[in-house]
Amino acid sequence: MDVRHGSDVKPPRPARWRRLALLLLLIPFVGTLWVASYASLTPRLWGIPFFYWYQLLWIVISAGITIIVYAVDRS
């Protein structure tokens, strides 16, 4: 019997959504390990070669995806 009461108790999210959220973590993995897709110097962004700013962009994207996965897992 569940003795929890109150408005702050949420029903557990289905396991299917949790698995799908975890699959989101594969996106940065593939995006950074597929080197042939970004092994070039052009286009440049503020003088920075594509190779470098592409990887820096993945840091920001990975952080965003991690926050989404964490939020889904915690709910």
Protein backbone atom coordinates (compact mmCIF):
# COMPACT_ATOMS: atom_id res chain seq x y z
CA MET A 1 0.00 0.00 0.00
CA ASP A 2 1.32 3.44 -0.92
CA VAL A 3 1.26 5.82 2.04
CA ARG A 4 2.54 8.87 0.18
CA HIS A 5 0.07 11.71 0.02
CA GLY A 6 0.32 15.23 -1.27
CA SER A 7 0.45 17.17 -4.47
CA ASP A 8 4.22 16.82 -4.94
CA VAL A 9 4.04 13.07 -5.64
CA LYS A 10 4.14 12.34 -9.36
CA PRO A 11 3.37 9.01 -10.98
CA PRO A 12 6.51 7.32 -12.32
CA ARG A 13 7.31 7.98 -15.96
CA PRO A 14 7.01 4.89 -18.16
CA ALA A 15 10.27 3.00 -18.66
CA ARG A 16 9.94 3.45 -22.42
CA TRP A 17 10.43 7.25 -22.12
CA ARG A 18 13.45 6.73 -19.90
CA ARG A 19 15.07 4.42 -22.43
CA LEU A 20 14.37 6.88 -25.25
CA ALA A 21 15.90 9.69 -23.21
CA LEU A 22 19.01 7.62 -22.62
CA LEU A 23 19.29 7.03 -26.35
CA LEU A 24 19.67 10.80 -26.76
CA LEU A 25 23.11 10.41 -25.22
CA LEU A 26 24.22 8.57 -28.36
CA ILE A 27 23.81 11.70 -30.49
CA PRO A 28 26.94 13.51 -29.21
CA PHE A 29 28.83 10.22 -29.24
CA VAL A 30 28.20 9.73 -32.94
CA GLY A 31 28.60 13.42 -33.76
CA THR A 32 32.10 13.61 -32.34
CA LEU A 33 33.43 10.18 -33.30
CA TRP A 34 32.51 10.47 -36.97
CA VAL A 35 35.63 12.49 -37.74
CA ALA A 36 35.21 12.47 -41.52
CA SER A 37 32.16 14.72 -41.13
CA TYR A 38 34.16 17.60 -39.64
CA ALA A 39 37.79 17.06 -40.70
CA SER A 40 38.21 20.34 -42.58
CA LEU A 41 39.38 23.88 -42.00
CA THR A 42 36.45 25.60 -43.67
CA PRO A 43 34.02 27.16 -42.97
CA ARG A 44 35.73 29.42 -40.47
CA LEU A 45 33.83 31.13 -37.67
CA TRP A 46 35.53 34.33 -36.45
CA GLY A 47 38.81 32.96 -37.80
CA ILE A 48 38.47 29.64 -35.97
CA PRO A 49 38.74 26.57 -38.25
CA PHE A 50 35.65 24.38 -38.56
CA PHE A 51 37.35 21.43 -36.87
CA TYR A 52 37.68 23.35 -33.59
CA TRP A 53 34.38 25.19 -33.38
CA TYR A 54 32.45 22.08 -34.38
CA GLN A 55 33.85 20.22 -31.36
CA LEU A 56 33.22 23.18 -29.06
CA LEU A 57 29.63 23.31 -30.29
CA TRP A 58 29.23 19.65 -29.33
CA ILE A 59 30.23 20.50 -25.76
CA VAL A 60 27.25 22.85 -25.51
CA ILE A 61 24.90 20.41 -27.27
CA SER A 62 26.05 17.54 -25.04
CA ALA A 63 25.42 19.59 -21.91
CA GLY A 64 21.90 20.40 -23.11
CA ILE A 65 21.15 16.76 -23.91
CA THR A 66 22.52 15.68 -20.52
CA ILE A 67 20.21 18.18 -18.78
CA ILE A 68 17.22 16.82 -20.72
CA VAL A 69 18.08 13.21 -19.89
CA TYR A 70 18.59 14.09 -16.23
CA ALA A 71 15.22 15.87 -16.07
CA VAL A 72 13.42 12.94 -17.68
CA ASP A 73 15.15 10.44 -15.41
CA ARG A 74 14.37 12.42 -12.26
CA SER A 75 10.67 12.85 -13.04
